[in-house]
C-alpha atoms as a PDB file:
ATOM      1  CA  MET A   1     -12.237 -21.328 -12.755  1.00  0.00           C
ATOM      2  CA  SER A   2      -9.806 -19.535 -10.466  1.00  0.00           C
ATOM      3  CA  THR A   3     -10.201 -19.250  -6.713  1.00  0.00           C
ATOM      4  CA  ARG A   4     -11.191 -15.592  -7.135  1.00  0.00           C
ATOM      5  CA  ALA A   5     -13.784 -16.407  -9.772  1.00  0.00           C
ATOM      6  CA  GLU A   6     -15.178 -19.269  -7.691  1.00  0.00           C
ATOM      7  CA  ALA A   7     -15.605 -16.884  -4.785  1.00  0.00           C
ATOM      8  CA  ALA A   8     -17.330 -14.424  -7.081  1.00  0.00           C
ATOM      9  CA  ALA A   9     -19.718 -17.060  -8.370  1.00  0.00           C
ATOM     10  CA  THR A  10     -20.555 -18.106  -4.845  1.00  0.00           C
ATOM     11  CA  GLY A  11     -21.279 -14.502  -3.898  1.00  0.00           C
ATOM     12  CA  ALA A  12     -23.477 -14.073  -6.948  1.00  0.00           C
ATOM     13  CA  THR A  13     -25.773 -16.848  -5.767  1.00  0.00           C
ATOM     14  CA  GLY A  14     -26.239 -15.217  -2.405  1.00  0.00           C
ATOM     15  CA  VAL A  15     -24.181 -17.767  -0.425  1.00  0.00           C
ATOM     16  CA  THR A  16     -21.617 -16.036   1.735  1.00  0.00           C
ATOM     17  CA  ALA A  17     -18.953 -17.387   4.058  1.00  0.00           C
ATOM     18  CA  ALA A  18     -16.839 -15.865   6.790  1.00  0.00           C
ATOM     19  CA  PRO A  19     -13.893 -14.004   5.247  1.00  0.00           C
ATOM     20  CA  SER A  20     -10.674 -15.983   5.101  1.00  0.00           C
ATOM     21  CA  ARG A  21      -7.391 -14.599   6.384  1.00  0.00           C
ATOM     22  CA  ARG A  22      -6.390 -13.826   2.780  1.00  0.00           C
ATOM     23  CA  GLU A  23      -9.632 -11.909   2.256  1.00  0.00           C
ATOM     24  CA  GLN A  24      -9.090  -9.955   5.477  1.00  0.00           C
ATOM     25  CA  ILE A  25      -5.585  -9.041   4.362  1.00  0.00           C
ATOM     26  CA  LEU A  26      -6.805  -7.948   0.941  1.00  0.00           C
ATOM     27  CA  LYS A  27      -9.577  -5.807   2.407  1.00  0.00           C
ATOM     28  CA  GLU A  28      -7.175  -3.932   4.675  1.00  0.00           C
ATOM     29  CA  ALA A  29      -4.549  -3.668   1.948  1.00  0.00           C
ATOM     30  CA  ALA A  30      -7.114  -2.106  -0.386  1.00  0.00           C
ATOM     31  CA  ARG A  31      -8.152   0.398   2.259  1.00  0.00           C
ATOM     32  CA  LEU A  32      -4.591   1.374   3.111  1.00  0.00           C
ATOM     33  CA  PHE A  33      -3.407   1.535  -0.513  1.00  0.00           C
ATOM     34  CA  ALA A  34      -6.380   3.760  -1.372  1.00  0.00           C
ATOM     35  CA  GLU A  35      -5.762   6.060   1.594  1.00  0.00           C
ATOM     36  CA  ARG A  36      -1.975   6.413   1.364  1.00  0.00           C
ATOM     37  CA  GLY A  37      -0.948   5.145  -2.050  1.00  0.00           C
ATOM     38  CA  PHE A  38       0.733   1.851  -2.875  1.00  0.00           C
ATOM     39  CA  HIS A  39       4.232   3.046  -1.992  1.00  0.00           C
ATOM     40  CA  GLY A  40       3.008   4.763   1.170  1.00  0.00           C
ATOM     41  CA  VAL A  41       2.084   1.506   2.883  1.00  0.00           C
ATOM     42  CA  GLY A  42       4.419  -1.158   4.252  1.00  0.00           C
ATOM     43  CA  VAL A  43       3.727  -4.815   4.910  1.00  0.00           C
ATOM     44  CA  ASP A  44       4.050  -4.176   8.649  1.00  0.00           C
ATOM     45  CA  GLU A  45       1.105  -1.756   8.519  1.00  0.00           C
ATOM     46  CA  ILE A  46      -1.024  -4.201   6.578  1.00  0.00           C
ATOM     47  CA  GLY A  47      -0.137  -6.969   9.001  1.00  0.00           C
ATOM     48  CA  ALA A  48      -0.967  -4.795  12.003  1.00  0.00           C
ATOM     49  CA  ALA A  49      -4.386  -4.030  10.505  1.00  0.00           C
ATOM     50  CA  VAL A  50      -5.273  -7.735  10.556  1.00  0.00           C
ATOM     51  CA  GLY A  51      -3.452  -8.643  13.753  1.00  0.00           C
ATOM     52  CA  ILE A  52      -0.432 -10.481  12.359  1.00  0.00           C
ATOM     53  CA  SER A  53       3.219  -9.570  11.870  1.00  0.00           C
ATOM     54  CA  GLY A  54       4.345  -8.037   8.629  1.00  0.00           C
ATOM     55  CA  PRO A  55       6.544 -11.041   7.779  1.00  0.00           C
ATOM     56  CA  GLY A  56       3.538 -13.246   8.519  1.00  0.00           C
ATOM     57  CA  LEU A  57       1.898 -11.813   5.404  1.00  0.00           C
ATOM     58  CA  TYR A  58       4.392 -13.704   3.277  1.00  0.00           C
ATOM     59  CA  ARG A  59       2.660 -16.950   4.245  1.00  0.00           C
ATOM     60  CA  HIS A  60      -0.290 -15.667   2.195  1.00  0.00           C
ATOM     61  CA  PHE A  61       1.235 -13.390  -0.474  1.00  0.00           C
ATOM     62  CA  ALA A  62       4.605 -13.037  -2.123  1.00  0.00           C
ATOM     63  CA  GLY A  63       4.497  -9.288  -1.394  1.00  0.00           C
ATOM     64  CA  LYS A  64       2.587  -6.073  -1.972  1.00  0.00           C
ATOM     65  CA  ASP A  65       2.704  -6.480  -5.748  1.00  0.00           C
ATOM     66  CA  ALA A  66       0.914  -9.811  -5.427  1.00  0.00           C
ATOM     67  CA  MET A  67      -1.740  -8.226  -3.202  1.00  0.00           C
ATOM     68  CA  LEU A  68      -2.364  -5.441  -5.715  1.00  0.00           C
ATOM     69  CA  ALA A  69      -2.686  -7.945  -8.560  1.00  0.00           C
ATOM     70  CA  GLU A  70      -5.077 -10.089  -6.530  1.00  0.00           C
ATOM     71  CA  LEU A  71      -7.209  -7.040  -5.765  1.00  0.00           C
ATOM     72  CA  LEU A  72      -7.454  -5.626  -9.278  1.00  0.00           C
ATOM     73  CA  VAL A  73      -7.712  -8.902 -11.178  1.00  0.00           C
ATOM     74  CA  GLY A  74     -10.052 -10.247  -8.516  1.00  0.00           C
ATOM     75  CA  ILE A  75     -12.580  -7.410  -8.700  1.00  0.00           C
ATOM     76  CA  SER A  76     -12.597  -7.593 -12.504  1.00  0.00           C
ATOM     77  CA  GLU A  77     -13.340 -11.320 -12.295  1.00  0.00           C
ATOM     78  CA  ARG A  78     -16.016 -10.729  -9.697  1.00  0.00           C
ATOM     79  CA  LEU A  79     -17.807  -8.079 -11.745  1.00  0.00           C
ATOM     80  CA  LEU A  80     -17.767 -10.234 -14.871  1.00  0.00           C
ATOM     81  CA  THR A  81     -18.915 -13.391 -13.088  1.00  0.00           C
ATOM     82  CA  GLY A  82     -21.642 -11.518 -11.251  1.00  0.00           C
ATOM     83  CA  GLY A  83     -22.719  -9.782 -14.446  1.00  0.00           C
ATOM     84  CA  ARG A  84     -22.988 -13.062 -16.320  1.00  0.00           C
ATOM     85  CA  HIS A  85     -25.051 -14.522 -13.513  1.00  0.00           C
ATOM     86  CA  ARG A  86     -27.402 -11.552 -13.596  1.00  0.00           C
ATOM     87  CA  VAL A  87     -27.822 -11.816 -17.360  1.00  0.00           C
ATOM     88  CA  ALA A  88     -28.584 -15.535 -17.149  1.00  0.00           C
ATOM     89  CA  GLU A  89     -30.966 -15.062 -14.246  1.00  0.00           C
ATOM     90  CA  VAL A  90     -33.382 -12.865 -16.218  1.00  0.00           C
ATOM     91  CA  ALA A  91     -32.478 -13.864 -19.769  1.00  0.00           C
ATOM     92  CA  GLY A  92     -34.991 -12.800 -22.398  1.00  0.00           C
ATOM     93  CA  ASP A  93     -36.011  -9.614 -20.567  1.00  0.00           C
ATOM     94  CA  PRO A  94     -33.506  -6.859 -21.477  1.00  0.00           C
ATOM     95  CA  ALA A  95     -35.150  -4.316 -19.161  1.00  0.00           C
ATOM     96  CA  ALA A  96     -34.835  -6.683 -16.199  1.00  0.00           C
ATOM     97  CA  VAL A  97     -31.254  -7.521 -17.175  1.00  0.00           C
ATOM     98  CA  LEU A  98     -30.304  -3.850 -17.303  1.00  0.00           C
ATOM     99  CA  ALA A  99     -31.962  -3.190 -13.955  1.00  0.00           C
ATOM    100  CA  SER A 100     -30.027  -6.070 -12.418  1.00  0.00           C
ATOM    101  CA  LEU A 101     -26.729  -4.954 -13.946  1.00  0.00           C
ATOM    102  CA  ILE A 102     -27.251  -1.404 -12.684  1.00  0.00           C
ATOM    103  CA  ASN A 103     -28.127  -2.618  -9.190  1.00  0.00           C
ATOM    104  CA  GLY A 104     -25.115  -4.915  -9.081  1.00  0.00           C
ATOM    105  CA  HIS A 105     -22.698  -2.231 -10.200  1.00  0.00           C
ATOM    106  CA  ILE A 106     -24.128   0.268  -7.716  1.00  0.00           C
ATOM    107  CA  ASP A 107     -23.545  -2.254  -4.923  1.00  0.00           C
ATOM    108  CA  PHE A 108     -19.943  -2.605  -6.057  1.00  0.00           C
ATOM    109  CA  ALA A 109     -19.453   1.150  -6.366  1.00  0.00           C
ATOM    110  CA  LEU A 110     -20.773   1.779  -2.865  1.00  0.00           C
ATOM    111  CA  ASP A 111     -19.219  -1.212  -1.097  1.00  0.00           C
ATOM    112  CA  ASP A 112     -15.801  -1.311  -2.787  1.00  0.00           C
ATOM    113  CA  ARG A 113     -14.810   2.323  -3.157  1.00  0.00           C
ATOM    114  CA  PRO A 114     -11.146   1.642  -2.302  1.00  0.00           C
ATOM    115  CA  LEU A 115     -10.899  -0.720  -5.285  1.00  0.00           C
ATOM    116  CA  ILE A 116     -12.134   2.001  -7.624  1.00  0.00           C
ATOM    117  CA  THR A 117      -9.447   4.323  -6.280  1.00  0.00           C
ATOM    118  CA  LEU A 118      -6.827   1.590  -6.642  1.00  0.00           C
ATOM    119  CA  HIS A 119      -7.790   0.916 -10.226  1.00  0.00           C
ATOM    120  CA  ASP A 120      -7.557   4.595 -11.126  1.00  0.00           C
ATOM    121  CA  ARG A 121      -4.212   5.140  -9.412  1.00  0.00           C
ATOM    122  CA  GLU A 122      -2.327   1.875  -9.452  1.00  0.00           C
ATOM    123  CA  LEU A 123      -3.339  -0.198 -12.500  1.00  0.00           C
ATOM    124  CA  ASP A 124      -0.120   0.709 -14.307  1.00  0.00           C
ATOM    125  CA  ARG A 125       1.891  -0.832 -11.449  1.00  0.00           C
ATOM    126  CA  LEU A 126       0.689  -4.324 -12.340  1.00  0.00           C
ATOM    127  CA  ARG A 127       2.824  -6.658 -14.386  1.00  0.00           C
ATOM    128  CA  GLU A 128       1.926  -6.447 -18.073  1.00  0.00           C
ATOM    129  CA  GLU A 129       0.355  -9.921 -17.933  1.00  0.00           C
ATOM    130  CA  ASP A 130      -1.959  -8.976 -15.063  1.00  0.00           C
ATOM    131  CA  ARG A 131      -2.778  -5.594 -16.581  1.00  0.00           C
ATOM    132  CA  LYS A 132      -3.788  -7.250 -19.850  1.00  0.00           C
ATOM    133  CA  LEU A 133      -5.968  -9.712 -17.950  1.00  0.00           C
ATOM    134  CA  VAL A 134      -7.740  -6.878 -16.142  1.00  0.00           C
ATOM    135  CA  ARG A 135      -8.406  -5.135 -19.450  1.00  0.00           C
ATOM    136  CA  GLN A 136      -9.657  -8.352 -21.048  1.00  0.00           C
ATOM    137  CA  LEU A 137     -12.074  -9.025 -18.189  1.00  0.00           C
ATOM    138  CA  GLN A 138     -13.281  -5.436 -18.293  1.00  0.00           C
ATOM    139  CA  ARG A 139     -13.963  -5.622 -22.038  1.00  0.00           C
ATOM    140  CA  GLN A 140     -16.059  -8.722 -21.533  1.00  0.00           C
ATOM    141  CA  TYR A 141     -17.994  -6.981 -18.752  1.00  0.00           C
ATOM    142  CA  VAL A 142     -18.630  -3.982 -20.999  1.00  0.00           C
ATOM    143  CA  GLU A 143     -19.976  -6.309 -23.703  1.00  0.00           C
ATOM    144  CA  LEU A 144     -22.650  -7.619 -21.326  1.00  0.00           C
ATOM    145  CA  TRP A 145     -23.918  -4.072 -20.892  1.00  0.00           C
ATOM    146  CA  VAL A 146     -23.623  -3.127 -24.569  1.00  0.00           C
ATOM    147  CA  GLU A 147     -25.603  -6.178 -25.705  1.00  0.00           C
ATOM    148  CA  THR A 148     -28.299  -5.476 -23.119  1.00  0.00           C
ATOM    149  CA  VAL A 149     -28.646  -1.788 -23.956  1.00  0.00           C
ATOM    150  CA  ARG A 150     -28.674  -2.500 -27.700  1.00  0.00           C
ATOM    151  CA  ALA A 151     -31.557  -4.929 -27.144  1.00  0.00           C
ATOM    152  CA  LEU A 152     -33.473  -2.111 -25.476  1.00  0.00           C
ATOM    153  CA  HIS A 153     -32.486   0.514 -28.067  1.00  0.00           C
ATOM    154  CA  PRO A 154     -32.104  -1.433 -31.335  1.00  0.00           C
ATOM    155  CA  GLY A 155     -32.237   1.698 -33.472  1.00  0.00           C
ATOM    156  CA  VAL A 156     -29.309   3.407 -31.757  1.00  0.00           C
ATOM    157  CA  PRO A 157     -25.855   2.989 -33.368  1.00  0.00           C
ATOM    158  CA  GLU A 158     -23.551   0.672 -31.443  1.00  0.00           C
ATOM    159  CA  ALA A 159     -20.962   3.414 -31.047  1.00  0.00           C
ATOM    160  CA  GLU A 160     -23.472   5.587 -29.173  1.00  0.00           C
ATOM    161  CA  VAL A 161     -24.464   2.683 -26.957  1.00  0.00           C
ATOM    162  CA  ARG A 162     -20.812   2.116 -26.029  1.00  0.00           C
ATOM    163  CA  VAL A 163     -20.378   5.778 -25.174  1.00  0.00           C
ATOM    164  CA  ALA A 164     -23.479   5.613 -22.971  1.00  0.00           C
ATOM    165  CA  VAL A 165     -22.263   2.469 -21.185  1.00  0.00           C
ATOM    166  CA  HIS A 166     -18.852   3.976 -20.451  1.00  0.00           C
ATOM    167  CA  ALA A 167     -20.490   7.216 -19.321  1.00  0.00           C
ATOM    168  CA  VAL A 168     -22.669   5.310 -16.867  1.00  0.00           C
ATOM    169  CA  PHE A 169     -19.609   3.466 -15.554  1.00  0.00           C
ATOM    170  CA  GLY A 170     -17.919   6.813 -15.007  1.00  0.00           C
ATOM    171  CA  LEU A 171     -20.994   8.066 -13.188  1.00  0.00           C
ATOM    172  CA  LEU A 172     -21.346   5.047 -10.929  1.00  0.00           C
ATOM    173  CA  ASN A 173     -17.612   4.787 -10.288  1.00  0.00           C
ATOM    174  CA  SER A 174     -17.517   8.365  -9.004  1.00  0.00           C
ATOM    175  CA  THR A 175     -18.441   7.145  -5.506  1.00  0.00           C
ATOM    176  CA  PRO A 176     -14.941   7.659  -4.016  1.00  0.00           C
ATOM    177  CA  HIS A 177     -15.450  11.387  -4.640  1.00  0.00           C
ATOM    178  CA  LEU A 178     -18.903  11.584  -3.075  1.00  0.00           C
ATOM    179  CA  GLY A 179     -19.630  12.773   0.423  1.00  0.00           C
ATOM    180  CA  ALA A 180     -20.677  10.517   3.255  1.00  0.00           C
ATOM    181  CA  GLY A 181     -24.401  10.703   2.522  1.00  0.00           C
ATOM    182  CA  GLY A 182     -26.798   7.953   3.469  1.00  0.00           C
ATOM    183  CA  ARG A 183     -26.437   4.789   1.439  1.00  0.00           C
ATOM    184  CA  GLU A 184     -30.117   4.496   0.563  1.00  0.00           C
ATOM    185  CA  ALA A 185     -30.324   8.055  -0.775  1.00  0.00           C
ATOM    186  CA  THR A 186     -27.051   7.733  -2.711  1.00  0.00           C
ATOM    187  CA  GLU A 187     -28.094   4.391  -4.178  1.00  0.00           C
ATOM    188  CA  SER A 188     -31.435   5.829  -5.284  1.00  0.00           C
ATOM    189  CA  LEU A 189     -29.800   8.859  -6.897  1.00  0.00           C
ATOM    190  CA  LEU A 190     -27.199   6.783  -8.757  1.00  0.00           C
ATOM    191  CA  ARG A 191     -29.909   4.485 -10.045  1.00  0.00           C
ATOM    192  CA  ARG A 192     -32.007   7.392 -11.348  1.00  0.00           C
ATOM    193  CA  LEU A 193     -28.984   8.978 -13.021  1.00  0.00           C
ATOM    194  CA  ALA A 194     -28.006   5.705 -14.710  1.00  0.00           C
ATOM    195  CA  TYR A 195     -31.515   5.159 -16.042  1.00  0.00           C
ATOM    196  CA  GLY A 196     -31.604   8.765 -17.197  1.00  0.00           C
ATOM    197  CA  ALA A 197     -28.392   8.376 -19.143  1.00  0.00           C
ATOM    198  CA  PHE A 198     -29.676   5.334 -20.994  1.00  0.00           C
ATOM    199  CA  ALA A 199     -33.107   6.902 -21.568  1.00  0.00           C
ATOM    200  CA  ALA A 200     -31.320   9.765 -23.351  1.00  0.00           C
ATOM    201  CA  LEU A 201     -30.445   7.321 -26.132  1.00  0.00           C
ATOM    202  CA  SER A 202     -34.073   7.509 -27.252  1.00  0.00           C
ATOM    203  CA  ASP A 203     -34.214  11.303 -27.326  1.00  0.00           C
END
């Protein structure tokens, strides 16, 4: 398991540690890339955001391209690892699995909005190898949801279930475009909308 995936697994079990310097750099890089675009941010600005010199960043990353790859591959690994943990935690109860998956994705969508923006804008900037890895991890994450929803709606064609899953992802991943409403109210609304979308499969 990679360092990113190990960190994801640790987070999934509720054990958290103080962010490392690399994690601090990545967090600020994500914020700045999302605000100004990948080419609108220099290493000096990222370094200043975490209190080190721009050249000092090269002790942690080969450059901005490496940071972007770490961010986009890393979040895909984290979602998949967390999703697998949630499925295993309540295995045998599809309704509980779906509830856990929805809650986990809402947490991601609300806490990591810059990464959603980065994925939408900058995925094509990754090397082909990294881009393929992101897509592979995402497909595996989608399958967790499809299998769970199909267990709840066994009479619905698989193609419709896939459309519903991707529609819910689009809904939940719209958070970068939402206003600055209270987290609790936004979380509650997103949850109701997600459940409503899946309930429509039975209509």
